[in-house]
Structure formats: structure tokens, C-alpha cells
Amino acid sequence: GAGKNWAKGHYTEGAELIDSVLDVVRKEAESADCLQGFQITHSLGGGTGAGMGTLLISKIREEYPDRIMLTFSVVPSPKVSDTVVEPYNATLSVHQLVENADECFCIDNEALYDICFRTLKLTTPTFGDLNHLVSAVMSGVTCSLRFPGQLNSDLRKLAVNIVPFPRLHFFMVGFAPLTSRGSQQYRALTVPELTQQMFDAKNMMCAADPRHGRYLTAAAMFRGRMSTKEVDEQMLNVQNKNSSYFVEWIPNNIKASVRDIPPKGLKMAVNFIGNSTAIQEMFKRVSEQFTGMFRRKAFLHWYTGEGMDEM
């Protein structure tokens, strides 16, 4: 790896490897008959996922400028910290993502742990449990490409519907019903119950509280056999009841899509993607930590030693 050093991943060690990585990408892209885009999973706090990940994104962007670029980014969380220089790495990465990605799904470990403790009542969650939650969301985002549905959507339609301004593409994601690994569901939830759960702050996989901001847009991807009419009614219902949580200058903020095939082990499920102003809490947190360290020039030699300069 790059030893948790963004500069190594982005400029020195990553730059040596990037060509062989791009060859693999090219091979895959050429074997696709209709390339929709690229999906990248990485963390923002380290060196490899953040530094080399963003380098890869910018290189893919150069080569395939018209394809959708979406990332699942694990953001440094307030309590579950991995390294001291997370704020530096994350700030450098976000700067890249703002420019080069089309859709960023922000996930953080603390929120995932909270879901495991609070909702799933797990006493000692493993990474497997956290990954189980993330995989539910990842599967939900791409299920529209893989299964037939009544209301269809793909990654591009999602971007069109949910990004009002190009730079505002950092989303909060959620999933309902939240179940732990290997558990069976006792009863099928109704569409209103799913809708209520999906907008619940406890369901968000990023440590930002949607009640502290307003939704610019949101997308709900329902999976399972259900009536499209009921889904549409619920979406209108949510917007009318909680109109103060949606900005008034975007009409019909919520896009709904319905897939016939539910995830394994569930009768019905819904995937939630929200573009909320509350995501700023996450950026604020990183930026405050960044400023605190940068003011004292802490650990900067790690980065300047790899050829970066202080601005």
C-alpha cells in the first residue's frame, strides 16, 4: 500500500502502477457491449484508496469523458479513526472527487457501527457486518441495470434526476428494512413502512443528520412486487407532510423506481439516495480537523517529501 500517505498513492507509487491498472480497465471496457460507467469503492482517509483511487478516477475520466463515474467513498468518521492524517488525505481526495466524479455515495464506519449496535442489536460487529450493510446499498444502486422493472432507471438517469448542480454530487445513502446477516424476515413490510424507515435518520450510512438540513433531491429504488401507484402516492405523501425538509425551488424532488426482483431473503426492500444539505456536516468535520493540523504544519513533511508543496 501507500502507507496511509495520499501523496505516495497519487504522485509517486501510484503513478508507477497506474498504467498497468488502466490496461486492465481498458480490457474490461472493451469487452462490454454498452458501457454505462465505472463504479469505484475506496476510502478517503488512507493513501491507496484515496490517493491512487482518485488518480485512477482522473485517468479514467480522461479516457472515457462521457461515461458515468460513481464512487462509494468511505469517509473518515468522527469517532472511528484509523490514522492521524485522515483529514489531510480526505481533503485532498474530496478536491479530486468534486471535479472528476458524477455521483459519490458517502459511507462512514461510525454510522455503520451505529446501525449495527442500535438497529441490528449486534454487540461486537465485525467488518463482515459492516460490509453486509454497504453491499445492500451497492446492490440496490445497480439493480436497475441488472433486473427488469416497472419504473426503470440507470446510473445516468439517476445523475440527471439527483444532481441539481454539477458539484453537488455527494449523497447520503440508506436502506430499508435493515436486517443482520443471515436473518430471515418474519413479515413483509408495507410500502408506507418502508418509506418511513428509509427517511429515518438512523438509517443513514453516513454520520450526518438529514434533519439538520434540507433535501435538494432524493431517489427511492424499491425492489419487490408492489404497486407503482402506491409508491407514487407515498412519495407525494412524504413531500407534502415534510415539505419543510425539501427545498421549494425543485419541484417533485423524489424520484422513485420499482424493480420486480427483491434482494435475497426479503420480500420487499428499498434503497434510498438523498442529496441533502446536511452532508456539509461531514465536510465541516473533516475541514475543521484539517485546519487544526495544517495551522500547526503537523505531519506535512510526509507530503512535501513526496514532492507536494504547501499552498
C-alpha atoms as a PDB file:
ATOM      1  CA  GLY A   1       0.000   0.000   0.000  1.00  0.00           C
ATOM      2  CA  ALA A   2       0.940   3.644   0.135  1.00  0.00           C
ATOM      3  CA  GLY A   3       1.395   3.681   3.898  1.00  0.00           C
ATOM      4  CA  LYS A   4      -1.649   5.889   4.511  1.00  0.00           C
ATOM      5  CA  ASN A   5       0.083   8.655   2.589  1.00  0.00           C
ATOM      6  CA  TRP A   6      -2.049  10.325  -0.091  1.00  0.00           C
ATOM      7  CA  ALA A   7       0.938  11.820  -1.899  1.00  0.00           C
ATOM      8  CA  LYS A   8       2.511   8.385  -2.312  1.00  0.00           C
ATOM      9  CA  GLY A   9      -0.693   6.945  -3.725  1.00  0.00           C
ATOM     10  CA  HIS A  10      -1.384   9.872  -6.025  1.00  0.00           C
ATOM     11  CA  TYR A  11       2.019  11.068  -7.186  1.00  0.00           C
ATOM     12  CA  THR A  12       4.866   8.638  -6.581  1.00  0.00           C
ATOM     13  CA  GLU A  13       3.997   4.988  -6.030  1.00  0.00           C
ATOM     14  CA  GLY A  14       0.527   5.158  -7.563  1.00  0.00           C
ATOM     15  CA  ALA A  15       1.832   6.871 -10.684  1.00  0.00           C
ATOM     16  CA  GLU A  16       4.169   3.933 -11.321  1.00  0.00           C
ATOM     17  CA  LEU A  17       1.330   1.421 -11.176  1.00  0.00           C
ATOM     18  CA  ILE A  18      -1.398   3.385 -12.891  1.00  0.00           C
ATOM     19  CA  ASP A  19      -0.634   2.295 -16.461  1.00  0.00           C
ATOM     20  CA  SER A  20      -0.944  -1.400 -15.712  1.00  0.00           C
ATOM     21  CA  VAL A  21      -4.203  -0.713 -13.850  1.00  0.00           C
ATOM     22  CA  LEU A  22      -5.563   1.216 -16.818  1.00  0.00           C
ATOM     23  CA  ASP A  23      -4.726  -1.711 -19.112  1.00  0.00           C
ATOM     24  CA  VAL A  24      -6.991  -3.916 -17.010  1.00  0.00           C
ATOM     25  CA  VAL A  25      -9.717  -1.258 -17.133  1.00  0.00           C
ATOM     26  CA  ARG A  26      -9.392  -0.985 -20.906  1.00  0.00           C
ATOM     27  CA  LYS A  27      -9.712  -4.740 -21.375  1.00  0.00           C
ATOM     28  CA  GLU A  28     -12.880  -4.783 -19.277  1.00  0.00           C
ATOM     29  CA  ALA A  29     -14.320  -1.746 -21.035  1.00  0.00           C
ATOM     30  CA  GLU A  30     -13.675  -3.229 -24.465  1.00  0.00           C
ATOM     31  CA  SER A  31     -15.481  -6.444 -23.604  1.00  0.00           C
ATOM     32  CA  ALA A  32     -18.617  -4.522 -22.565  1.00  0.00           C
ATOM     33  CA  ASP A  33     -21.160  -4.064 -25.346  1.00  0.00           C
ATOM     34  CA  CYS A  34     -22.639  -0.916 -23.841  1.00  0.00           C
ATOM     35  CA  LEU A  35     -20.504   0.665 -21.168  1.00  0.00           C
ATOM     36  CA  GLN A  36     -22.614   2.582 -18.661  1.00  0.00           C
ATOM     37  CA  GLY A  37     -19.834   3.791 -16.427  1.00  0.00           C
ATOM     38  CA  PHE A  38     -17.410   2.964 -13.662  1.00  0.00           C
ATOM     39  CA  GLN A  39     -18.000   2.113 -10.049  1.00  0.00           C
ATOM     40  CA  ILE A  40     -15.150   2.678  -7.631  1.00  0.00           C
ATOM     41  CA  THR A  41     -15.069   1.658  -3.989  1.00  0.00           C
ATOM     42  CA  HIS A  42     -12.384   3.297  -1.896  1.00  0.00           C
ATOM     43  CA  SER A  43     -11.733   5.047   1.369  1.00  0.00           C
ATOM     44  CA  LEU A  44     -10.871   8.727   1.581  1.00  0.00           C
ATOM     45  CA  GLY A  45      -8.727   8.559   4.706  1.00  0.00           C
ATOM     46  CA  GLY A  46      -5.808   6.438   3.519  1.00  0.00           C
ATOM     47  CA  GLY A  47      -3.157   6.521   0.849  1.00  0.00           C
ATOM     48  CA  THR A  48      -4.028   3.830  -1.661  1.00  0.00           C
ATOM     49  CA  GLY A  49      -7.810   4.100  -1.919  1.00  0.00           C
ATOM     50  CA  ALA A  50      -7.744   7.860  -1.586  1.00  0.00           C
ATOM     51  CA  GLY A  51      -4.551   8.837  -3.387  1.00  0.00           C
ATOM     52  CA  MET A  52      -4.341   6.184  -6.043  1.00  0.00           C
ATOM     53  CA  GLY A  53      -8.129   5.851  -6.211  1.00  0.00           C
ATOM     54  CA  THR A  54      -8.541   9.498  -7.170  1.00  0.00           C
ATOM     55  CA  LEU A  55      -5.638   9.221  -9.624  1.00  0.00           C
ATOM     56  CA  LEU A  56      -7.402   6.289 -11.278  1.00  0.00           C
ATOM     57  CA  ILE A  57     -10.648   8.263 -11.406  1.00  0.00           C
ATOM     58  CA  SER A  58      -8.987  11.210 -13.123  1.00  0.00           C
ATOM     59  CA  LYS A  59      -7.230   8.938 -15.638  1.00  0.00           C
ATOM     60  CA  ILE A  60     -10.452   7.059 -16.439  1.00  0.00           C
ATOM     61  CA  ARG A  61     -12.141  10.440 -16.788  1.00  0.00           C
ATOM     62  CA  GLU A  62      -9.574  11.473 -19.409  1.00  0.00           C
ATOM     63  CA  GLU A  63     -10.078   8.307 -21.394  1.00  0.00           C
ATOM     64  CA  TYR A  64     -13.868   7.933 -21.050  1.00  0.00           C
ATOM     65  CA  PRO A  65     -15.119  11.500 -20.530  1.00  0.00           C
ATOM     66  CA  ASP A  66     -18.745  10.698 -21.386  1.00  0.00           C
ATOM     67  CA  ARG A  67     -19.199   7.677 -19.084  1.00  0.00           C
ATOM     68  CA  ILE A  68     -20.712   7.892 -15.634  1.00  0.00           C
ATOM     69  CA  MET A  69     -18.215   7.796 -12.777  1.00  0.00           C
ATOM     70  CA  LEU A  70     -19.624   6.791  -9.446  1.00  0.00           C
ATOM     71  CA  THR A  71     -17.787   6.180  -6.223  1.00  0.00           C
ATOM     72  CA  PHE A  72     -18.606   4.541  -2.939  1.00  0.00           C
ATOM     73  CA  SER A  73     -16.392   6.538  -0.658  1.00  0.00           C
ATOM     74  CA  VAL A  74     -15.744   5.558   2.932  1.00  0.00           C
ATOM     75  CA  VAL A  75     -15.358   8.900   4.656  1.00  0.00           C
ATOM     76  CA  PRO A  76     -13.300   9.315   7.836  1.00  0.00           C
ATOM     77  CA  SER A  77     -15.743   9.170  10.712  1.00  0.00           C
ATOM     78  CA  PRO A  78     -15.645  11.310  13.868  1.00  0.00           C
ATOM     79  CA  LYS A  79     -15.037   8.514  16.391  1.00  0.00           C
ATOM     80  CA  VAL A  80     -13.705   5.551  14.423  1.00  0.00           C
ATOM     81  CA  SER A  81     -10.352   6.936  13.320  1.00  0.00           C
ATOM     82  CA  ASP A  82      -7.705   4.938  11.555  1.00  0.00           C
ATOM     83  CA  THR A  83      -4.739   7.311  11.201  1.00  0.00           C
ATOM     84  CA  VAL A  84      -3.811  10.820  12.295  1.00  0.00           C
ATOM     85  CA  VAL A  85      -3.530  12.199   8.779  1.00  0.00           C
ATOM     86  CA  GLU A  86      -7.057  11.203   7.709  1.00  0.00           C
ATOM     87  CA  PRO A  87      -8.160  14.867   7.463  1.00  0.00           C
ATOM     88  CA  TYR A  88      -5.320  15.629   5.023  1.00  0.00           C
ATOM     89  CA  ASN A  89      -5.987  12.596   2.860  1.00  0.00           C
ATOM     90  CA  ALA A  90      -9.742  13.186   2.844  1.00  0.00           C
ATOM     91  CA  THR A  91      -9.434  16.866   1.934  1.00  0.00           C
ATOM     92  CA  LEU A  92      -7.097  16.077  -0.949  1.00  0.00           C
ATOM     93  CA  SER A  93      -9.449  13.337  -2.158  1.00  0.00           C
ATOM     94  CA  VAL A  94     -12.653  15.359  -1.958  1.00  0.00           C
ATOM     95  CA  HIS A  95     -10.986  18.053  -4.031  1.00  0.00           C
ATOM     96  CA  GLN A  96     -10.471  15.426  -6.759  1.00  0.00           C
ATOM     97  CA  LEU A  97     -13.940  13.906  -6.423  1.00  0.00           C
ATOM     98  CA  VAL A  98     -15.661  17.272  -6.770  1.00  0.00           C
ATOM     99  CA  GLU A  99     -14.066  17.658 -10.195  1.00  0.00           C
ATOM    100  CA  ASN A 100     -13.947  14.131 -11.580  1.00  0.00           C
ATOM    101  CA  ALA A 101     -16.835  12.062 -10.227  1.00  0.00           C
ATOM    102  CA  ASP A 102     -20.507  12.208 -11.222  1.00  0.00           C
ATOM    103  CA  GLU A 103     -22.004  10.559  -8.163  1.00  0.00           C
ATOM    104  CA  CYS A 104     -20.397   9.937  -4.767  1.00  0.00           C
ATOM    105  CA  PHE A 105     -22.119   7.770  -2.213  1.00  0.00           C
ATOM    106  CA  CYS A 106     -20.724   8.730   1.166  1.00  0.00           C
ATOM    107  CA  ILE A 107     -20.483   5.961   3.723  1.00  0.00           C
ATOM    108  CA  ASP A 108     -18.737   6.051   7.053  1.00  0.00           C
ATOM    109  CA  ASN A 109     -17.765   3.434   9.567  1.00  0.00           C
ATOM    110  CA  GLU A 110     -19.246   5.168  12.572  1.00  0.00           C
ATOM    111  CA  ALA A 111     -22.708   5.309  11.057  1.00  0.00           C
ATOM    112  CA  LEU A 112     -22.393   1.641  10.071  1.00  0.00           C
ATOM    113  CA  TYR A 113     -21.353   0.696  13.614  1.00  0.00           C
ATOM    114  CA  ASP A 114     -24.294   2.700  14.965  1.00  0.00           C
ATOM    115  CA  ILE A 115     -26.702   0.789  12.744  1.00  0.00           C
ATOM    116  CA  CYS A 116     -25.176  -2.494  13.930  1.00  0.00           C
ATOM    117  CA  PHE A 117     -25.464  -1.533  17.608  1.00  0.00           C
ATOM    118  CA  ARG A 118     -28.773   0.307  17.543  1.00  0.00           C
ATOM    119  CA  THR A 119     -30.878  -1.317  14.890  1.00  0.00           C
ATOM    120  CA  LEU A 120     -29.410  -4.778  14.491  1.00  0.00           C
ATOM    121  CA  LYS A 121     -28.565  -5.138  18.215  1.00  0.00           C
ATOM    122  CA  LEU A 122     -25.163  -6.662  17.480  1.00  0.00           C
ATOM    123  CA  THR A 123     -22.776  -6.397  20.429  1.00  0.00           C
ATOM    124  CA  THR A 124     -19.487  -6.890  18.563  1.00  0.00           C
ATOM    125  CA  PRO A 125     -19.983  -6.068  14.882  1.00  0.00           C
ATOM    126  CA  THR A 126     -17.273  -7.337  12.533  1.00  0.00           C
ATOM    127  CA  PHE A 127     -16.201  -5.825   9.225  1.00  0.00           C
ATOM    128  CA  GLY A 128     -18.341  -8.539   7.672  1.00  0.00           C
ATOM    129  CA  ASP A 129     -21.419  -6.989   9.276  1.00  0.00           C
ATOM    130  CA  LEU A 130     -20.458  -3.519   8.065  1.00  0.00           C
ATOM    131  CA  ASN A 131     -19.805  -4.829   4.565  1.00  0.00           C
ATOM    132  CA  HIS A 132     -23.182  -6.549   4.605  1.00  0.00           C
ATOM    133  CA  LEU A 133     -24.840  -3.136   5.038  1.00  0.00           C
ATOM    134  CA  VAL A 134     -22.752  -1.468   2.345  1.00  0.00           C
ATOM    135  CA  SER A 135     -23.312  -4.325  -0.087  1.00  0.00           C
ATOM    136  CA  ALA A 136     -27.082  -3.939   0.317  1.00  0.00           C
ATOM    137  CA  VAL A 137     -26.778  -0.341  -0.858  1.00  0.00           C
ATOM    138  CA  MET A 138     -24.345  -1.117  -3.667  1.00  0.00           C
ATOM    139  CA  SER A 139     -26.553  -3.879  -4.959  1.00  0.00           C
ATOM    140  CA  GLY A 140     -29.566  -1.573  -4.795  1.00  0.00           C
ATOM    141  CA  VAL A 141     -27.927   1.207  -6.766  1.00  0.00           C
ATOM    142  CA  THR A 142     -27.048  -1.057  -9.672  1.00  0.00           C
ATOM    143  CA  CYS A 143     -30.077  -3.352  -9.551  1.00  0.00           C
ATOM    144  CA  SER A 144     -31.755  -1.228 -12.211  1.00  0.00           C
ATOM    145  CA  LEU A 145     -29.091  -2.329 -14.678  1.00  0.00           C
ATOM    146  CA  ARG A 146     -29.403  -5.982 -13.763  1.00  0.00           C
ATOM    147  CA  PHE A 147     -33.127  -6.654 -13.413  1.00  0.00           C
ATOM    148  CA  PRO A 148     -36.275  -5.757 -15.298  1.00  0.00           C
ATOM    149  CA  GLY A 149     -38.519  -3.235 -13.590  1.00  0.00           C
ATOM    150  CA  GLN A 150     -41.725  -1.259 -13.912  1.00  0.00           C
ATOM    151  CA  LEU A 151     -40.156   2.159 -13.496  1.00  0.00           C
ATOM    152  CA  ASN A 152     -36.679   1.954 -14.902  1.00  0.00           C
ATOM    153  CA  SER A 153     -33.632   3.976 -14.066  1.00  0.00           C
ATOM    154  CA  ASP A 154     -29.929   3.710 -14.753  1.00  0.00           C
ATOM    155  CA  LEU A 155     -26.865   5.491 -13.415  1.00  0.00           C
ATOM    156  CA  ARG A 156     -27.188   8.348 -15.882  1.00  0.00           C
ATOM    157  CA  LYS A 157     -30.881   8.878 -15.211  1.00  0.00           C
ATOM    158  CA  LEU A 158     -30.073   8.836 -11.529  1.00  0.00           C
ATOM    159  CA  ALA A 159     -27.446  11.536 -12.005  1.00  0.00           C
ATOM    160  CA  VAL A 160     -29.795  13.634 -14.135  1.00  0.00           C
ATOM    161  CA  ASN A 161     -32.526  13.448 -11.525  1.00  0.00           C
ATOM    162  CA  ILE A 162     -30.500  13.896  -8.398  1.00  0.00           C
ATOM    163  CA  VAL A 163     -27.660  16.325  -9.189  1.00  0.00           C
ATOM    164  CA  PRO A 164     -29.042  19.883  -9.448  1.00  0.00           C
ATOM    165  CA  PHE A 165     -25.593  21.495  -9.801  1.00  0.00           C
ATOM    166  CA  PRO A 166     -22.583  19.545 -11.073  1.00  0.00           C
ATOM    167  CA  ARG A 167     -20.520  19.942  -7.916  1.00  0.00           C
ATOM    168  CA  LEU A 168     -23.298  18.878  -5.559  1.00  0.00           C
ATOM    169  CA  HIS A 169     -22.994  15.169  -6.136  1.00  0.00           C
ATOM    170  CA  PHE A 170     -22.294  13.829  -2.647  1.00  0.00           C
ATOM    171  CA  PHE A 171     -25.177  11.685  -1.455  1.00  0.00           C
ATOM    172  CA  MET A 172     -26.328  10.099   1.751  1.00  0.00           C
ATOM    173  CA  VAL A 173     -27.422   6.514   1.311  1.00  0.00           C
ATOM    174  CA  GLY A 174     -29.789   4.333   3.268  1.00  0.00           C
ATOM    175  CA  PHE A 175     -31.506   1.003   3.013  1.00  0.00           C
ATOM    176  CA  ALA A 176     -34.691  -0.464   4.456  1.00  0.00           C
ATOM    177  CA  PRO A 177     -35.510  -2.852   6.010  1.00  0.00           C
ATOM    178  CA  LEU A 178     -32.204  -3.173   7.866  1.00  0.00           C
ATOM    179  CA  THR A 179     -31.561  -6.809   8.716  1.00  0.00           C
ATOM    180  CA  SER A 180     -28.498  -8.533  10.084  1.00  0.00           C
ATOM    181  CA  ARG A 181     -26.605 -11.168   8.118  1.00  0.00           C
ATOM    182  CA  GLY A 182     -28.365 -14.497   7.730  1.00  0.00           C
ATOM    183  CA  SER A 183     -31.544 -13.392   9.488  1.00  0.00           C
ATOM    184  CA  GLN A 184     -34.927 -14.151   7.975  1.00  0.00           C
ATOM    185  CA  GLN A 185     -37.645 -11.578   7.734  1.00  0.00           C
ATOM    186  CA  TYR A 186     -40.770 -12.517   9.680  1.00  0.00           C
ATOM    187  CA  ARG A 187     -43.291 -10.390   7.849  1.00  0.00           C
ATOM    188  CA  ALA A 188     -43.290  -8.382   4.677  1.00  0.00           C
ATOM    189  CA  LEU A 189     -43.200  -4.648   5.262  1.00  0.00           C
ATOM    190  CA  THR A 190     -45.716  -2.393   3.567  1.00  0.00           C
ATOM    191  CA  VAL A 191     -44.740   0.444   1.247  1.00  0.00           C
ATOM    192  CA  PRO A 192     -45.624   3.130   3.852  1.00  0.00           C
ATOM    193  CA  GLU A 193     -43.464   1.346   6.449  1.00  0.00           C
ATOM    194  CA  LEU A 194     -40.549   1.126   4.044  1.00  0.00           C
ATOM    195  CA  THR A 195     -40.938   4.796   3.169  1.00  0.00           C
ATOM    196  CA  GLN A 196     -40.974   5.823   6.806  1.00  0.00           C
ATOM    197  CA  GLN A 197     -37.913   3.697   7.589  1.00  0.00           C
ATOM    198  CA  MET A 198     -35.981   4.887   4.602  1.00  0.00           C
ATOM    199  CA  PHE A 199     -36.228   8.567   5.575  1.00  0.00           C
ATOM    200  CA  ASP A 200     -35.297   7.811   9.176  1.00  0.00           C
ATOM    201  CA  ALA A 201     -32.027   9.448  10.229  1.00  0.00           C
ATOM    202  CA  LYS A 202     -30.952   6.213  11.929  1.00  0.00           C
ATOM    203  CA  ASN A 203     -30.953   4.502   8.533  1.00  0.00           C
ATOM    204  CA  MET A 204     -28.340   6.781   7.007  1.00  0.00           C
ATOM    205  CA  MET A 205     -24.953   5.205   6.394  1.00  0.00           C
ATOM    206  CA  CYS A 206     -23.105   8.469   6.807  1.00  0.00           C
ATOM    207  CA  ALA A 207     -22.694  10.345  10.089  1.00  0.00           C
ATOM    208  CA  ALA A 208     -24.716  13.382   9.069  1.00  0.00           C
ATOM    209  CA  ASP A 209     -28.257  14.044  10.237  1.00  0.00           C
ATOM    210  CA  PRO A 210     -30.723  14.811   7.422  1.00  0.00           C
ATOM    211  CA  ARG A 211     -32.912  16.642   9.957  1.00  0.00           C
ATOM    212  CA  HIS A 212     -30.207  19.315  10.189  1.00  0.00           C
ATOM    213  CA  GLY A 213     -30.507  20.178   6.513  1.00  0.00           C
ATOM    214  CA  ARG A 214     -32.895  20.038   3.598  1.00  0.00           C
ATOM    215  CA  TYR A 215     -33.148  17.612   0.732  1.00  0.00           C
ATOM    216  CA  LEU A 216     -32.371  19.025  -2.687  1.00  0.00           C
ATOM    217  CA  THR A 217     -33.412  15.745  -4.281  1.00  0.00           C
ATOM    218  CA  ALA A 218     -33.812  12.108  -3.356  1.00  0.00           C
ATOM    219  CA  ALA A 219     -34.174   8.803  -5.147  1.00  0.00           C
ATOM    220  CA  ALA A 220     -36.026   5.787  -3.855  1.00  0.00           C
ATOM    221  CA  MET A 221     -35.370   2.470  -5.531  1.00  0.00           C
ATOM    222  CA  PHE A 222     -37.987  -0.022  -4.476  1.00  0.00           C
ATOM    223  CA  ARG A 223     -37.400  -3.721  -5.024  1.00  0.00           C
ATOM    224  CA  GLY A 224     -40.058  -6.417  -4.922  1.00  0.00           C
ATOM    225  CA  ARG A 225     -43.613  -6.879  -6.153  1.00  0.00           C
ATOM    226  CA  MET A 226     -45.616  -3.795  -5.243  1.00  0.00           C
ATOM    227  CA  SER A 227     -47.981  -1.363  -6.865  1.00  0.00           C
ATOM    228  CA  THR A 228     -46.331   1.556  -8.622  1.00  0.00           C
ATOM    229  CA  LYS A 229     -49.368   3.654  -7.766  1.00  0.00           C
ATOM    230  CA  GLU A 230     -48.828   3.082  -4.054  1.00  0.00           C
ATOM    231  CA  VAL A 231     -45.154   4.007  -4.355  1.00  0.00           C
ATOM    232  CA  ASP A 232     -46.021   7.257  -6.130  1.00  0.00           C
ATOM    233  CA  GLU A 233     -48.663   8.087  -3.523  1.00  0.00           C
ATOM    234  CA  GLN A 234     -46.187   7.528  -0.701  1.00  0.00           C
ATOM    235  CA  MET A 235     -43.575   9.717  -2.367  1.00  0.00           C
ATOM    236  CA  LEU A 236     -46.072  12.563  -2.749  1.00  0.00           C
ATOM    237  CA  ASN A 237     -47.227  11.976   0.794  1.00  0.00           C
ATOM    238  CA  VAL A 238     -43.687  12.309   2.169  1.00  0.00           C
ATOM    239  CA  GLN A 239     -43.108  15.514   0.226  1.00  0.00           C
ATOM    240  CA  ASN A 240     -46.384  17.057   1.362  1.00  0.00           C
ATOM    241  CA  LYS A 241     -46.060  16.114   5.024  1.00  0.00           C
ATOM    242  CA  ASN A 242     -42.405  17.084   5.391  1.00  0.00           C
ATOM    243  CA  SER A 243     -42.326  19.908   2.900  1.00  0.00           C
ATOM    244  CA  SER A 244     -40.031  21.938   5.175  1.00  0.00           C
ATOM    245  CA  TYR A 245     -37.301  19.317   4.663  1.00  0.00           C
ATOM    246  CA  PHE A 246     -37.343  19.674   0.873  1.00  0.00           C
ATOM    247  CA  VAL A 247     -36.170  22.767  -0.971  1.00  0.00           C
ATOM    248  CA  GLU A 248     -39.051  24.580  -2.612  1.00  0.00           C
ATOM    249  CA  TRP A 249     -37.182  25.558  -5.780  1.00  0.00           C
ATOM    250  CA  ILE A 250     -37.009  21.987  -7.080  1.00  0.00           C
ATOM    251  CA  PRO A 251     -40.467  20.550  -7.769  1.00  0.00           C
ATOM    252  CA  ASN A 252     -41.071  16.771  -7.377  1.00  0.00           C
ATOM    253  CA  ASN A 253     -37.797  16.241  -5.522  1.00  0.00           C
ATOM    254  CA  ILE A 254     -38.163  12.481  -5.136  1.00  0.00           C
ATOM    255  CA  LYS A 255     -37.589  10.084  -7.979  1.00  0.00           C
ATOM    256  CA  ALA A 256     -38.952   6.598  -7.439  1.00  0.00           C
ATOM    257  CA  SER A 257     -38.175   3.458  -9.386  1.00  0.00           C
ATOM    258  CA  VAL A 258     -39.583  -0.027  -8.925  1.00  0.00           C
ATOM    259  CA  ARG A 259     -37.801  -3.315  -9.615  1.00  0.00           C
ATOM    260  CA  ASP A 260     -39.673  -6.616  -9.611  1.00  0.00           C
ATOM    261  CA  ILE A 261     -36.925  -8.684  -8.030  1.00  0.00           C
ATOM    262  CA  PRO A 262     -36.194  -8.133  -4.334  1.00  0.00           C
ATOM    263  CA  PRO A 263     -32.822  -8.804  -2.665  1.00  0.00           C
ATOM    264  CA  LYS A 264     -32.176 -12.306  -1.364  1.00  0.00           C
ATOM    265  CA  GLY A 265     -34.148 -13.133   1.773  1.00  0.00           C
ATOM    266  CA  LEU A 266     -36.520 -10.162   1.560  1.00  0.00           C
ATOM    267  CA  LYS A 267     -39.973  -9.737   0.025  1.00  0.00           C
ATOM    268  CA  MET A 268     -39.618  -6.008  -0.427  1.00  0.00           C
ATOM    269  CA  ALA A 269     -36.817  -3.566   0.106  1.00  0.00           C
ATOM    270  CA  VAL A 270     -35.968  -0.013  -0.742  1.00  0.00           C
ATOM    271  CA  ASN A 271     -32.733   1.756  -1.432  1.00  0.00           C
ATOM    272  CA  PHE A 272     -32.507   5.399  -0.575  1.00  0.00           C
ATOM    273  CA  ILE A 273     -30.223   8.026  -2.066  1.00  0.00           C
ATOM    274  CA  GLY A 274     -30.548  11.546  -0.747  1.00  0.00           C
ATOM    275  CA  ASN A 275     -28.851  14.718  -1.883  1.00  0.00           C
ATOM    276  CA  SER A 276     -29.171  16.665   1.335  1.00  0.00           C
ATOM    277  CA  THR A 277     -27.547  19.880   2.516  1.00  0.00           C
ATOM    278  CA  ALA A 278     -26.814  18.044   5.774  1.00  0.00           C
ATOM    279  CA  ILE A 279     -23.883  16.311   4.092  1.00  0.00           C
ATOM    280  CA  GLN A 280     -21.991  19.518   4.886  1.00  0.00           C
ATOM    281  CA  GLU A 281     -21.663  18.242   8.472  1.00  0.00           C
ATOM    282  CA  MET A 282     -19.326  15.588   7.154  1.00  0.00           C
ATOM    283  CA  PHE A 283     -17.215  18.052   5.159  1.00  0.00           C
ATOM    284  CA  LYS A 284     -17.186  20.522   8.051  1.00  0.00           C
ATOM    285  CA  ARG A 285     -15.880  17.861  10.388  1.00  0.00           C
ATOM    286  CA  VAL A 286     -13.024  16.942   8.067  1.00  0.00           C
ATOM    287  CA  SER A 287     -12.255  20.565   7.306  1.00  0.00           C
ATOM    288  CA  GLU A 288     -12.063  21.558  10.987  1.00  0.00           C
ATOM    289  CA  GLN A 289      -9.669  18.692  11.702  1.00  0.00           C
ATOM    290  CA  PHE A 290      -7.678  19.639   8.607  1.00  0.00           C
ATOM    291  CA  THR A 291      -7.369  23.276   9.650  1.00  0.00           C
ATOM    292  CA  GLY A 292      -6.373  22.299  13.190  1.00  0.00           C
ATOM    293  CA  MET A 293      -3.466  20.249  11.882  1.00  0.00           C
ATOM    294  CA  PHE A 294      -2.490  22.400   8.927  1.00  0.00           C
ATOM    295  CA  ARG A 295      -2.235  25.506  11.100  1.00  0.00           C
ATOM    296  CA  ARG A 296       0.470  23.783  13.104  1.00  0.00           C
ATOM    297  CA  LYS A 297       2.000  22.267   9.967  1.00  0.00           C
ATOM    298  CA  ALA A 298       1.671  18.846  11.584  1.00  0.00           C
ATOM    299  CA  PHE A 299       2.896  15.855   9.552  1.00  0.00           C
ATOM    300  CA  LEU A 300       3.361  17.983   6.451  1.00  0.00           C
ATOM    301  CA  HIS A 301       6.854  16.564   5.835  1.00  0.00           C
ATOM    302  CA  TRP A 302       5.191  13.273   4.845  1.00  0.00           C
ATOM    303  CA  TYR A 303       3.610  15.035   1.911  1.00  0.00           C
ATOM    304  CA  THR A 304       6.300  17.548   0.974  1.00  0.00           C
ATOM    305  CA  GLY A 305       8.775  14.665   0.975  1.00  0.00           C
ATOM    306  CA  GLU A 306       6.791  13.093  -1.867  1.00  0.00           C
ATOM    307  CA  GLY A 307       7.040  16.235  -3.967  1.00  0.00           C
ATOM    308  CA  MET A 308       3.900  18.115  -2.921  1.00  0.00           C
ATOM    309  CA  ASP A 309       4.239  21.748  -1.903  1.00  0.00           C
ATOM    310  CA  GLU A 310       2.453  23.788   0.754  1.00  0.00           C
ATOM    311  CA  MET A 311      -0.130  26.194  -0.544  1.00  0.00           C
END
